[in-house]
């Protein structure tokens, strides 16, 4: 049985691990990194630390196996990260390690100069999300349940739109987001940025 629940401080390791083991377009990217936390520093852990109220987890008998994380206000969240998250990581990774892989170096560069979400997208869809599920939860409607709950909370908070970035090679992910109401808006490099308006009058 899968339950959805809010974030607890003890869930941080699960955010890191799920992010890493789904980072290759849904597949395990562990072999790409010498530092197993590197990708989670960017795409999962900061949400649990800085805005834990915006994290919803999916848990089964074996433990936490999926999450949706995000923020209702992308610019405000970026400002929080500059104050509360990035400084310690920039100090931690200030000196390059000979063990770093190409993927490690790419993520360190993103920690030093975080990706800026396209301004025109943020203006229309100010919230953003990331969602990942372990393979054992896929195909059961868990992703839809996570997304529905997050969108409902965003709607209740008066959020007018949500955006996300998906890898252009993750065709299954893009298909899911499209079925869920997200529309491809902008392509930048290997990223497809998608947006979905939120109707405050909807039930």
C-alpha atoms as a PDB file:
ATOM      1  CA  UNK A   1       0.000   0.000   0.000  1.00  0.00           C
ATOM      2  CA  UNK A   2       1.291   3.449  -0.931  1.00  0.00           C
ATOM      3  CA  UNK A   3       0.588   6.436   1.284  1.00  0.00           C
ATOM      4  CA  UNK A   4       1.250  10.105   0.598  1.00  0.00           C
ATOM      5  CA  UNK A   5       2.548  12.193   3.463  1.00  0.00           C
ATOM      6  CA  UNK A   6       4.379  15.355   4.320  1.00  0.00           C
ATOM      7  CA  UNK A   7       8.099  15.761   4.809  1.00  0.00           C
ATOM      8  CA  UNK A   8       9.948  14.916   8.023  1.00  0.00           C
ATOM      9  CA  UNK A   9      13.583  15.860   8.823  1.00  0.00           C
ATOM     10  CA  UNK A  10      14.584  12.197   8.687  1.00  0.00           C
ATOM     11  CA  UNK A  11      13.532  12.026   5.015  1.00  0.00           C
ATOM     12  CA  UNK A  12      16.481  14.008   3.676  1.00  0.00           C
ATOM     13  CA  UNK A  13      18.565  10.938   2.827  1.00  0.00           C
ATOM     14  CA  UNK A  14      15.641   9.527   0.849  1.00  0.00           C
ATOM     15  CA  UNK A  15      15.387  12.745  -1.185  1.00  0.00           C
ATOM     16  CA  UNK A  16      19.078  12.487  -2.041  1.00  0.00           C
ATOM     17  CA  UNK A  17      18.957   8.783  -2.906  1.00  0.00           C
ATOM     18  CA  UNK A  18      15.804   8.866  -5.024  1.00  0.00           C
ATOM     19  CA  UNK A  19      17.099  11.885  -6.913  1.00  0.00           C
ATOM     20  CA  UNK A  20      20.371  10.104  -7.737  1.00  0.00           C
ATOM     21  CA  UNK A  21      18.823   6.782  -8.666  1.00  0.00           C
ATOM     22  CA  UNK A  22      16.364   8.391 -11.086  1.00  0.00           C
ATOM     23  CA  UNK A  23      18.611  11.172 -12.431  1.00  0.00           C
ATOM     24  CA  UNK A  24      19.382   9.540 -15.781  1.00  0.00           C
ATOM     25  CA  UNK A  25      16.001  10.216 -17.411  1.00  0.00           C
ATOM     26  CA  UNK A  26      14.372   8.054 -14.760  1.00  0.00           C
ATOM     27  CA  UNK A  27      17.207   5.528 -14.514  1.00  0.00           C
ATOM     28  CA  UNK A  28      19.963   5.130 -11.917  1.00  0.00           C
ATOM     29  CA  UNK A  29      22.770   7.653 -12.358  1.00  0.00           C
ATOM     30  CA  UNK A  30      24.929   6.413  -9.464  1.00  0.00           C
ATOM     31  CA  UNK A  31      27.748   5.349 -11.776  1.00  0.00           C
ATOM     32  CA  UNK A  32      28.041   8.894 -13.153  1.00  0.00           C
ATOM     33  CA  UNK A  33      28.957  10.532  -9.831  1.00  0.00           C
ATOM     34  CA  UNK A  34      31.757  10.143  -7.309  1.00  0.00           C
ATOM     35  CA  UNK A  35      29.692  12.159  -4.829  1.00  0.00           C
ATOM     36  CA  UNK A  36      26.251  10.538  -4.413  1.00  0.00           C
ATOM     37  CA  UNK A  37      24.730  13.740  -3.035  1.00  0.00           C
ATOM     38  CA  UNK A  38      25.796  15.986  -5.891  1.00  0.00           C
ATOM     39  CA  UNK A  39      22.636  15.905  -8.013  1.00  0.00           C
ATOM     40  CA  UNK A  40      20.357  15.977  -4.966  1.00  0.00           C
ATOM     41  CA  UNK A  41      22.023  19.173  -3.760  1.00  0.00           C
ATOM     42  CA  UNK A  42      20.316  20.872  -6.694  1.00  0.00           C
ATOM     43  CA  UNK A  43      17.065  19.086  -7.438  1.00  0.00           C
ATOM     44  CA  UNK A  44      15.685  17.616  -4.203  1.00  0.00           C
ATOM     45  CA  UNK A  45      17.408  18.303  -0.879  1.00  0.00           C
ATOM     46  CA  UNK A  46      17.085  22.113  -0.827  1.00  0.00           C
ATOM     47  CA  UNK A  47      13.318  21.837  -0.946  1.00  0.00           C
ATOM     48  CA  UNK A  48      13.257  19.582   2.105  1.00  0.00           C
ATOM     49  CA  UNK A  49      15.532  21.942   4.005  1.00  0.00           C
ATOM     50  CA  UNK A  50      14.318  25.361   2.860  1.00  0.00           C
ATOM     51  CA  UNK A  51      10.616  24.744   2.050  1.00  0.00           C
ATOM     52  CA  UNK A  52       9.666  21.403   3.628  1.00  0.00           C
ATOM     53  CA  UNK A  53       6.003  22.344   3.544  1.00  0.00           C
ATOM     54  CA  UNK A  54       6.148  22.070  -0.254  1.00  0.00           C
ATOM     55  CA  UNK A  55       7.378  18.449  -0.203  1.00  0.00           C
ATOM     56  CA  UNK A  56       5.030  15.457  -0.542  1.00  0.00           C
ATOM     57  CA  UNK A  57       6.373  11.915  -0.266  1.00  0.00           C
ATOM     58  CA  UNK A  58       5.092   8.552  -1.467  1.00  0.00           C
ATOM     59  CA  UNK A  59       5.896   5.716   0.919  1.00  0.00           C
ATOM     60  CA  UNK A  60       5.230   1.982   0.722  1.00  0.00           C
ATOM     61  CA  UNK A  61       6.137  -0.989   2.921  1.00  0.00           C
ATOM     62  CA  UNK A  62       9.783  -0.705   1.851  1.00  0.00           C
ATOM     63  CA  UNK A  63      10.084   2.990   2.631  1.00  0.00           C
ATOM     64  CA  UNK A  64       9.953   6.331   0.864  1.00  0.00           C
ATOM     65  CA  UNK A  65      10.024   5.659  -2.872  1.00  0.00           C
ATOM     66  CA  UNK A  66       8.914   8.888  -4.506  1.00  0.00           C
ATOM     67  CA  UNK A  67       8.483  12.593  -4.030  1.00  0.00           C
ATOM     68  CA  UNK A  68       7.238  15.813  -5.486  1.00  0.00           C
ATOM     69  CA  UNK A  69       9.056  18.957  -4.368  1.00  0.00           C
ATOM     70  CA  UNK A  70       8.690  22.557  -5.410  1.00  0.00           C
ATOM     71  CA  UNK A  71       7.880  26.103  -4.485  1.00  0.00           C
ATOM     72  CA  UNK A  72       4.943  28.410  -5.062  1.00  0.00           C
ATOM     73  CA  UNK A  73       7.266  31.389  -5.740  1.00  0.00           C
ATOM     74  CA  UNK A  74      10.335  30.631  -7.857  1.00  0.00           C
ATOM     75  CA  UNK A  75      12.154  33.997  -7.470  1.00  0.00           C
ATOM     76  CA  UNK A  76      11.597  34.039  -3.695  1.00  0.00           C
ATOM     77  CA  UNK A  77      12.869  30.467  -3.429  1.00  0.00           C
ATOM     78  CA  UNK A  78      15.986  31.335  -5.422  1.00  0.00           C
ATOM     79  CA  UNK A  79      16.646  34.201  -2.999  1.00  0.00           C
ATOM     80  CA  UNK A  80      16.268  31.844  -0.036  1.00  0.00           C
ATOM     81  CA  UNK A  81      18.769  29.434  -1.555  1.00  0.00           C
ATOM     82  CA  UNK A  82      21.314  32.228  -1.960  1.00  0.00           C
ATOM     83  CA  UNK A  83      21.038  32.903   1.743  1.00  0.00           C
ATOM     84  CA  UNK A  84      20.424  29.483   3.262  1.00  0.00           C
ATOM     85  CA  UNK A  85      21.678  26.771   0.902  1.00  0.00           C
ATOM     86  CA  UNK A  86      24.316  27.629  -1.671  1.00  0.00           C
ATOM     87  CA  UNK A  87      26.946  29.341   0.537  1.00  0.00           C
ATOM     88  CA  UNK A  88      27.818  26.194   2.519  1.00  0.00           C
ATOM     89  CA  UNK A  89      27.913  24.056  -0.635  1.00  0.00           C
ATOM     90  CA  UNK A  90      30.103  26.548  -2.471  1.00  0.00           C
ATOM     91  CA  UNK A  91      32.554  26.408   0.413  1.00  0.00           C
ATOM     92  CA  UNK A  92      32.371  22.600   0.485  1.00  0.00           C
ATOM     93  CA  UNK A  93      33.185  22.301  -3.206  1.00  0.00           C
ATOM     94  CA  UNK A  94      35.531  25.273  -3.532  1.00  0.00           C
ATOM     95  CA  UNK A  95      38.571  23.060  -4.151  1.00  0.00           C
ATOM     96  CA  UNK A  96      38.161  20.607  -7.050  1.00  0.00           C
ATOM     97  CA  UNK A  97      38.616  16.946  -6.232  1.00  0.00           C
ATOM     98  CA  UNK A  98      40.615  14.641  -8.501  1.00  0.00           C
ATOM     99  CA  UNK A  99      37.831  12.110  -8.028  1.00  0.00           C
ATOM    100  CA  UNK A 100      35.190  14.282  -9.624  1.00  0.00           C
ATOM    101  CA  UNK A 101      33.600  12.909 -12.754  1.00  0.00           C
ATOM    102  CA  UNK A 102      32.340  15.047 -15.621  1.00  0.00           C
ATOM    103  CA  UNK A 103      28.868  14.881 -14.056  1.00  0.00           C
ATOM    104  CA  UNK A 104      30.236  15.987 -10.677  1.00  0.00           C
ATOM    105  CA  UNK A 105      31.950  18.971 -12.283  1.00  0.00           C
ATOM    106  CA  UNK A 106      28.771  19.907 -14.133  1.00  0.00           C
ATOM    107  CA  UNK A 107      26.794  19.965 -10.879  1.00  0.00           C
ATOM    108  CA  UNK A 108      29.473  21.946  -9.043  1.00  0.00           C
ATOM    109  CA  UNK A 109      29.253  24.550 -11.800  1.00  0.00           C
ATOM    110  CA  UNK A 110      25.474  24.673 -11.249  1.00  0.00           C
ATOM    111  CA  UNK A 111      25.978  25.121  -7.505  1.00  0.00           C
ATOM    112  CA  UNK A 112      28.310  28.056  -8.140  1.00  0.00           C
ATOM    113  CA  UNK A 113      26.035  29.580 -10.812  1.00  0.00           C
ATOM    114  CA  UNK A 114      22.508  28.166 -10.408  1.00  0.00           C
ATOM    115  CA  UNK A 115      20.289  27.738 -13.427  1.00  0.00           C
ATOM    116  CA  UNK A 116      17.934  30.654 -13.961  1.00  0.00           C
ATOM    117  CA  UNK A 117      14.444  29.648 -14.993  1.00  0.00           C
ATOM    118  CA  UNK A 118      13.266  31.498 -18.127  1.00  0.00           C
ATOM    119  CA  UNK A 119      11.796  34.818 -16.985  1.00  0.00           C
ATOM    120  CA  UNK A 120       8.840  34.712 -19.368  1.00  0.00           C
ATOM    121  CA  UNK A 121       7.912  31.275 -18.050  1.00  0.00           C
ATOM    122  CA  UNK A 122       8.195  32.320 -14.411  1.00  0.00           C
ATOM    123  CA  UNK A 123       5.999  35.361 -15.057  1.00  0.00           C
ATOM    124  CA  UNK A 124       3.161  33.174 -16.320  1.00  0.00           C
ATOM    125  CA  UNK A 125       3.786  30.126 -14.133  1.00  0.00           C
ATOM    126  CA  UNK A 126       5.504  31.310 -10.929  1.00  0.00           C
ATOM    127  CA  UNK A 127       5.555  27.957  -9.113  1.00  0.00           C
ATOM    128  CA  UNK A 128       7.818  25.073 -10.123  1.00  0.00           C
ATOM    129  CA  UNK A 129       8.151  21.389  -9.265  1.00  0.00           C
ATOM    130  CA  UNK A 130      10.381  18.324  -9.521  1.00  0.00           C
ATOM    131  CA  UNK A 131       9.030  14.804  -9.165  1.00  0.00           C
ATOM    132  CA  UNK A 132      10.734  11.413  -9.113  1.00  0.00           C
ATOM    133  CA  UNK A 133       9.551   7.874  -8.415  1.00  0.00           C
ATOM    134  CA  UNK A 134      11.443   4.661  -7.924  1.00  0.00           C
ATOM    135  CA  UNK A 135      10.615   2.040 -10.556  1.00  0.00           C
ATOM    136  CA  UNK A 136       8.494  -0.010  -8.150  1.00  0.00           C
ATOM    137  CA  UNK A 137       5.941   2.811  -7.836  1.00  0.00           C
ATOM    138  CA  UNK A 138       5.581   3.566 -11.514  1.00  0.00           C
ATOM    139  CA  UNK A 139       2.518   2.573 -13.477  1.00  0.00           C
ATOM    140  CA  UNK A 140       0.246   2.655 -10.427  1.00  0.00           C
ATOM    141  CA  UNK A 141      -1.022   6.226 -10.633  1.00  0.00           C
ATOM    142  CA  UNK A 142       1.253   7.372  -7.796  1.00  0.00           C
ATOM    143  CA  UNK A 143       2.763  10.183  -9.855  1.00  0.00           C
ATOM    144  CA  UNK A 144      -0.700  11.459 -10.698  1.00  0.00           C
ATOM    145  CA  UNK A 145      -1.693  11.331  -7.035  1.00  0.00           C
ATOM    146  CA  UNK A 146       1.391  13.280  -5.970  1.00  0.00           C
ATOM    147  CA  UNK A 147       0.870  15.877  -8.674  1.00  0.00           C
ATOM    148  CA  UNK A 148      -2.844  16.249  -7.955  1.00  0.00           C
ATOM    149  CA  UNK A 149      -2.230  16.854  -4.269  1.00  0.00           C
ATOM    150  CA  UNK A 150       0.528  19.385  -4.941  1.00  0.00           C
ATOM    151  CA  UNK A 151      -1.557  21.251  -7.520  1.00  0.00           C
ATOM    152  CA  UNK A 152      -4.538  21.310  -5.156  1.00  0.00           C
ATOM    153  CA  UNK A 153      -2.381  22.909  -2.468  1.00  0.00           C
ATOM    154  CA  UNK A 154      -1.047  25.417  -4.972  1.00  0.00           C
ATOM    155  CA  UNK A 155      -4.570  26.270  -6.110  1.00  0.00           C
ATOM    156  CA  UNK A 156      -5.699  26.829  -2.521  1.00  0.00           C
ATOM    157  CA  UNK A 157      -2.752  29.185  -2.048  1.00  0.00           C
ATOM    158  CA  UNK A 158      -3.781  31.239  -5.106  1.00  0.00           C
ATOM    159  CA  UNK A 159      -0.930  30.121  -7.369  1.00  0.00           C
ATOM    160  CA  UNK A 160      -1.736  30.955 -11.002  1.00  0.00           C
ATOM    161  CA  UNK A 161       0.609  28.558 -12.750  1.00  0.00           C
ATOM    162  CA  UNK A 162       3.292  25.882 -12.380  1.00  0.00           C
ATOM    163  CA  UNK A 163       6.305  25.138 -14.550  1.00  0.00           C
ATOM    164  CA  UNK A 164       8.983  22.472 -14.753  1.00  0.00           C
ATOM    165  CA  UNK A 165      12.009  21.511 -16.779  1.00  0.00           C
ATOM    166  CA  UNK A 166      12.309  18.051 -18.336  1.00  0.00           C
ATOM    167  CA  UNK A 167      15.193  16.431 -20.161  1.00  0.00           C
ATOM    168  CA  UNK A 168      14.449  16.244 -23.869  1.00  0.00           C
ATOM    169  CA  UNK A 169      15.589  12.602 -23.876  1.00  0.00           C
ATOM    170  CA  UNK A 170      13.121  11.659 -21.149  1.00  0.00           C
ATOM    171  CA  UNK A 171      10.280  10.953 -23.549  1.00  0.00           C
ATOM    172  CA  UNK A 172       8.282   9.022 -20.971  1.00  0.00           C
ATOM    173  CA  UNK A 173       8.462  11.904 -18.536  1.00  0.00           C
ATOM    174  CA  UNK A 174       7.462  14.446 -21.143  1.00  0.00           C
ATOM    175  CA  UNK A 175       4.522  12.264 -22.146  1.00  0.00           C
ATOM    176  CA  UNK A 176       3.388  12.062 -18.512  1.00  0.00           C
ATOM    177  CA  UNK A 177       3.594  15.815 -18.002  1.00  0.00           C
ATOM    178  CA  UNK A 178       1.743  16.457 -21.248  1.00  0.00           C
ATOM    179  CA  UNK A 179      -1.059  14.081 -20.254  1.00  0.00           C
ATOM    180  CA  UNK A 180      -1.191  15.876 -16.909  1.00  0.00           C
ATOM    181  CA  UNK A 181      -1.877  19.255 -18.492  1.00  0.00           C
ATOM    182  CA  UNK A 182       1.596  20.745 -18.948  1.00  0.00           C
ATOM    183  CA  UNK A 183       2.384  22.350 -22.294  1.00  0.00           C
ATOM    184  CA  UNK A 184       5.905  22.543 -23.781  1.00  0.00           C
ATOM    185  CA  UNK A 185       6.833  26.220 -23.931  1.00  0.00           C
ATOM    186  CA  UNK A 186      10.583  26.692 -24.398  1.00  0.00           C
ATOM    187  CA  UNK A 187      13.545  24.487 -25.319  1.00  0.00           C
ATOM    188  CA  UNK A 188      16.958  25.434 -23.941  1.00  0.00           C
ATOM    189  CA  UNK A 189      19.757  23.019 -24.719  1.00  0.00           C
ATOM    190  CA  UNK A 190      18.581  19.578 -23.585  1.00  0.00           C
ATOM    191  CA  UNK A 191      15.816  20.988 -21.389  1.00  0.00           C
ATOM    192  CA  UNK A 192      12.173  21.282 -22.343  1.00  0.00           C
ATOM    193  CA  UNK A 193      10.418  23.862 -20.158  1.00  0.00           C
ATOM    194  CA  UNK A 194       6.715  23.215 -19.677  1.00  0.00           C
ATOM    195  CA  UNK A 195       3.932  25.215 -18.039  1.00  0.00           C
ATOM    196  CA  UNK A 196       0.422  24.667 -16.745  1.00  0.00           C
ATOM    197  CA  UNK A 197      -2.080  27.321 -15.702  1.00  0.00           C
ATOM    198  CA  UNK A 198      -3.896  26.748 -12.421  1.00  0.00           C
ATOM    199  CA  UNK A 199      -7.581  27.620 -12.331  1.00  0.00           C
ATOM    200  CA  UNK A 200      -8.396  29.016  -8.877  1.00  0.00           C
ATOM    201  CA  UNK A 201     -12.101  28.308  -9.453  1.00  0.00           C
ATOM    202  CA  UNK A 202     -11.579  24.611 -10.133  1.00  0.00           C
ATOM    203  CA  UNK A 203     -12.658  22.153  -7.405  1.00  0.00           C
END
